[in-house]
C-alpha atoms as a PDB file:
ATOM      1  CA  UNK A   1       0.017  -0.072   0.009  1.00  0.00           C
ATOM      2  CA  UNK A   2       1.266   3.466  -0.798  1.00  0.00           C
ATOM      3  CA  UNK A   3       1.105   6.811   0.915  1.00  0.00           C
ATOM      4  CA  UNK A   4      -2.379   8.231   1.355  1.00  0.00           C
ATOM      5  CA  UNK A   5      -3.491  11.918   1.873  1.00  0.00           C
ATOM      6  CA  UNK A   6      -4.737  10.987   5.297  1.00  0.00           C
ATOM      7  CA  UNK A   7      -1.452   9.405   6.318  1.00  0.00           C
ATOM      8  CA  UNK A   8       0.514  12.395   4.965  1.00  0.00           C
ATOM      9  CA  UNK A   9      -1.754  14.754   7.019  1.00  0.00           C
ATOM     10  CA  UNK A  10      -0.884  12.602  10.026  1.00  0.00           C
ATOM     11  CA  UNK A  11       2.784  13.423   9.471  1.00  0.00           C
ATOM     12  CA  UNK A  12       1.921  17.125   9.325  1.00  0.00           C
ATOM     13  CA  UNK A  13      -0.045  16.815  12.599  1.00  0.00           C
ATOM     14  CA  UNK A  14       2.889  14.966  14.328  1.00  0.00           C
ATOM     15  CA  UNK A  15       5.135  17.845  13.097  1.00  0.00           C
ATOM     16  CA  UNK A  16       2.691  20.465  14.517  1.00  0.00           C
ATOM     17  CA  UNK A  17       2.721  18.662  17.820  1.00  0.00           C
ATOM     18  CA  UNK A  18       6.525  18.301  17.738  1.00  0.00           C
ATOM     19  CA  UNK A  19       6.154  14.619  18.383  1.00  0.00           C
ATOM     20  CA  UNK A  20       9.630  13.228  17.360  1.00  0.00           C
ATOM     21  CA  UNK A  21       8.713   9.540  18.184  1.00  0.00           C
ATOM     22  CA  UNK A  22       5.602   9.734  15.951  1.00  0.00           C
ATOM     23  CA  UNK A  23       7.400  11.641  13.177  1.00  0.00           C
ATOM     24  CA  UNK A  24       9.981   8.844  13.050  1.00  0.00           C
ATOM     25  CA  UNK A  25       7.274   6.210  12.665  1.00  0.00           C
ATOM     26  CA  UNK A  26       6.532   7.735   9.227  1.00  0.00           C
ATOM     27  CA  UNK A  27      10.208   7.478   8.027  1.00  0.00           C
ATOM     28  CA  UNK A  28      11.958   4.571   6.259  1.00  0.00           C
ATOM     29  CA  UNK A  29      15.228   3.140   7.622  1.00  0.00           C
ATOM     30  CA  UNK A  30      17.214   4.817   4.789  1.00  0.00           C
ATOM     31  CA  UNK A  31      15.435   8.143   5.135  1.00  0.00           C
ATOM     32  CA  UNK A  32      16.803  11.553   4.095  1.00  0.00           C
ATOM     33  CA  UNK A  33      15.811  14.976   5.457  1.00  0.00           C
ATOM     34  CA  UNK A  34      16.932  18.046   3.564  1.00  0.00           C
ATOM     35  CA  UNK A  35      16.230  20.990   5.925  1.00  0.00           C
ATOM     36  CA  UNK A  36      15.213  24.337   4.683  1.00  0.00           C
ATOM     37  CA  UNK A  37      17.896  26.168   6.641  1.00  0.00           C
ATOM     38  CA  UNK A  38      21.617  25.473   7.252  1.00  0.00           C
ATOM     39  CA  UNK A  39      25.010  26.006   5.622  1.00  0.00           C
ATOM     40  CA  UNK A  40      24.484  24.181   2.291  1.00  0.00           C
ATOM     41  CA  UNK A  41      21.970  26.159   1.891  1.00  0.00           C
ATOM     42  CA  UNK A  42      19.923  23.886   4.050  1.00  0.00           C
ATOM     43  CA  UNK A  43      21.376  20.837   5.623  1.00  0.00           C
ATOM     44  CA  UNK A  44      21.045  17.229   4.778  1.00  0.00           C
ATOM     45  CA  UNK A  45      20.524  14.439   7.286  1.00  0.00           C
ATOM     46  CA  UNK A  46      20.737  10.712   6.330  1.00  0.00           C
ATOM     47  CA  UNK A  47      19.481   7.572   8.170  1.00  0.00           C
ATOM     48  CA  UNK A  48      17.162   7.403  11.095  1.00  0.00           C
ATOM     49  CA  UNK A  49      19.470   8.775  13.817  1.00  0.00           C
ATOM     50  CA  UNK A  50      20.589  11.734  11.758  1.00  0.00           C
ATOM     51  CA  UNK A  51      17.030  12.443  10.517  1.00  0.00           C
ATOM     52  CA  UNK A  52      15.708  12.419  14.051  1.00  0.00           C
ATOM     53  CA  UNK A  53      18.427  14.878  15.110  1.00  0.00           C
ATOM     54  CA  UNK A  54      17.639  17.063  12.049  1.00  0.00           C
ATOM     55  CA  UNK A  55      13.938  17.070  12.974  1.00  0.00           C
ATOM     56  CA  UNK A  56      14.824  18.008  16.470  1.00  0.00           C
ATOM     57  CA  UNK A  57      17.032  20.869  15.311  1.00  0.00           C
ATOM     58  CA  UNK A  58      14.428  22.164  12.912  1.00  0.00           C
ATOM     59  CA  UNK A  59      11.666  22.076  15.544  1.00  0.00           C
ATOM     60  CA  UNK A  60      13.972  23.977  17.921  1.00  0.00           C
ATOM     61  CA  UNK A  61      14.800  26.470  15.155  1.00  0.00           C
ATOM     62  CA  UNK A  62      11.123  27.266  14.758  1.00  0.00           C
ATOM     63  CA  UNK A  63      10.345  27.218  18.504  1.00  0.00           C
ATOM     64  CA  UNK A  64       7.866  29.898  19.577  1.00  0.00           C
ATOM     65  CA  UNK A  65       6.145  29.701  16.121  1.00  0.00           C
ATOM     66  CA  UNK A  66       2.847  28.061  15.567  1.00  0.00           C
ATOM     67  CA  UNK A  67       2.886  25.419  12.791  1.00  0.00           C
ATOM     68  CA  UNK A  68      -0.104  25.167  10.478  1.00  0.00           C
ATOM     69  CA  UNK A  69      -0.585  22.714   7.631  1.00  0.00           C
ATOM     70  CA  UNK A  70      -1.151  24.411   4.211  1.00  0.00           C
ATOM     71  CA  UNK A  71      -4.118  24.138   1.928  1.00  0.00           C
ATOM     72  CA  UNK A  72      -2.407  22.083  -0.798  1.00  0.00           C
ATOM     73  CA  UNK A  73      -1.048  18.536  -0.570  1.00  0.00           C
ATOM     74  CA  UNK A  74      -0.846  15.946  -3.358  1.00  0.00           C
ATOM     75  CA  UNK A  75       0.459  12.519  -3.933  1.00  0.00           C
ATOM     76  CA  UNK A  76       1.416  11.157  -7.368  1.00  0.00           C
ATOM     77  CA  UNK A  77       2.813   7.612  -7.267  1.00  0.00           C
ATOM     78  CA  UNK A  78       5.783   7.600  -4.977  1.00  0.00           C
ATOM     79  CA  UNK A  79       6.168  11.474  -4.882  1.00  0.00           C
ATOM     80  CA  UNK A  80       4.205  14.141  -3.107  1.00  0.00           C
ATOM     81  CA  UNK A  81       4.216  17.637  -1.850  1.00  0.00           C
ATOM     82  CA  UNK A  82       2.559  19.695   0.920  1.00  0.00           C
ATOM     83  CA  UNK A  83       2.461  23.366   1.936  1.00  0.00           C
ATOM     84  CA  UNK A  84       2.861  24.642   5.446  1.00  0.00           C
ATOM     85  CA  UNK A  85       3.316  27.819   7.419  1.00  0.00           C
ATOM     86  CA  UNK A  86       4.359  29.151  10.823  1.00  0.00           C
ATOM     87  CA  UNK A  87       3.161  32.283  12.547  1.00  0.00           C
ATOM     88  CA  UNK A  88       4.521  34.099  15.538  1.00  0.00           C
ATOM     89  CA  UNK A  89       4.682  37.453  17.263  1.00  0.00           C
ATOM     90  CA  UNK A  90       8.067  39.218  17.843  1.00  0.00           C
ATOM     91  CA  UNK A  91       8.997  41.289  20.933  1.00  0.00           C
ATOM     92  CA  UNK A  92       7.595  44.450  19.285  1.00  0.00           C
ATOM     93  CA  UNK A  93       4.154  42.724  18.741  1.00  0.00           C
ATOM     94  CA  UNK A  94       4.564  42.275  14.964  1.00  0.00           C
ATOM     95  CA  UNK A  95       3.129  39.102  13.558  1.00  0.00           C
ATOM     96  CA  UNK A  96       5.497  37.178  11.326  1.00  0.00           C
ATOM     97  CA  UNK A  97       4.581  34.431   8.952  1.00  0.00           C
ATOM     98  CA  UNK A  98       6.851  31.893   7.292  1.00  0.00           C
ATOM     99  CA  UNK A  99       5.603  29.861   4.294  1.00  0.00           C
ATOM    100  CA  UNK A 100       7.124  26.721   2.880  1.00  0.00           C
ATOM    101  CA  UNK A 101       6.627  23.432   1.262  1.00  0.00           C
ATOM    102  CA  UNK A 102       7.890  19.871   1.453  1.00  0.00           C
ATOM    103  CA  UNK A 103       8.674  17.626  -1.460  1.00  0.00           C
ATOM    104  CA  UNK A 104       8.462  13.978  -0.601  1.00  0.00           C
ATOM    105  CA  UNK A 105       9.602  10.659  -1.916  1.00  0.00           C
ATOM    106  CA  UNK A 106       7.684   7.648  -0.512  1.00  0.00           C
ATOM    107  CA  UNK A 107       8.509   3.927  -0.137  1.00  0.00           C
ATOM    108  CA  UNK A 108       5.139   2.304   0.391  1.00  0.00           C
ATOM    109  CA  UNK A 109       3.312   4.149   3.068  1.00  0.00           C
ATOM    110  CA  UNK A 110       6.480   5.653   4.596  1.00  0.00           C
ATOM    111  CA  UNK A 111       8.530   8.690   3.778  1.00  0.00           C
ATOM    112  CA  UNK A 112      11.963   8.062   2.352  1.00  0.00           C
ATOM    113  CA  UNK A 113      12.904  11.751   1.496  1.00  0.00           C
ATOM    114  CA  UNK A 114      11.511  14.944   3.004  1.00  0.00           C
ATOM    115  CA  UNK A 115      12.943  17.945   1.044  1.00  0.00           C
ATOM    116  CA  UNK A 116      11.957  21.206   2.777  1.00  0.00           C
ATOM    117  CA  UNK A 117      11.830  24.673   1.274  1.00  0.00           C
ATOM    118  CA  UNK A 118      10.810  27.945   2.886  1.00  0.00           C
ATOM    119  CA  UNK A 119      10.097  31.463   1.486  1.00  0.00           C
ATOM    120  CA  UNK A 120      12.712  33.883   2.666  1.00  0.00           C
ATOM    121  CA  UNK A 121      11.645  37.486   3.215  1.00  0.00           C
ATOM    122  CA  UNK A 122      13.926  40.346   2.680  1.00  0.00           C
ATOM    123  CA  UNK A 123      14.386  43.654   0.914  1.00  0.00           C
ATOM    124  CA  UNK A 124      14.863  43.240  -2.805  1.00  0.00           C
ATOM    125  CA  UNK A 125      15.568  46.971  -3.279  1.00  0.00           C
ATOM    126  CA  UNK A 126      19.162  46.272  -4.027  1.00  0.00           C
ATOM    127  CA  UNK A 127      18.242  44.087  -6.981  1.00  0.00           C
ATOM    128  CA  UNK A 128      19.245  45.389 -10.375  1.00  0.00           C
ATOM    129  CA  UNK A 129      16.462  46.728 -12.539  1.00  0.00           C
ATOM    130  CA  UNK A 130      16.287  47.498 -16.231  1.00  0.00           C
END
């Protein structure tokens, strides 16, 4: 049996709850996590022990933000994608929102690859214009 939308939503809910044990139940033994931040850009974790550590680091990185699943998720064969966002309020009372998506590769009903991307906000005023 392959991945289902309901099972993928369960992974998103486990992420929202920061439940590392449950998150790892969704992953294959040869899993790969490509984080949306880090020095590469991003950072790659391979195997269950590294992926668990990567999930732990990523959840700590986004501590204080509320995770929400996005409105779009799809599965096509052994590939899939889902959107997500985080919201939080800074010390000055401003609300910040971070949007991103995960690209997945599945092995049966488990996740083999979680490749995460996030929208980066910044001033593009320095960009060259014609």
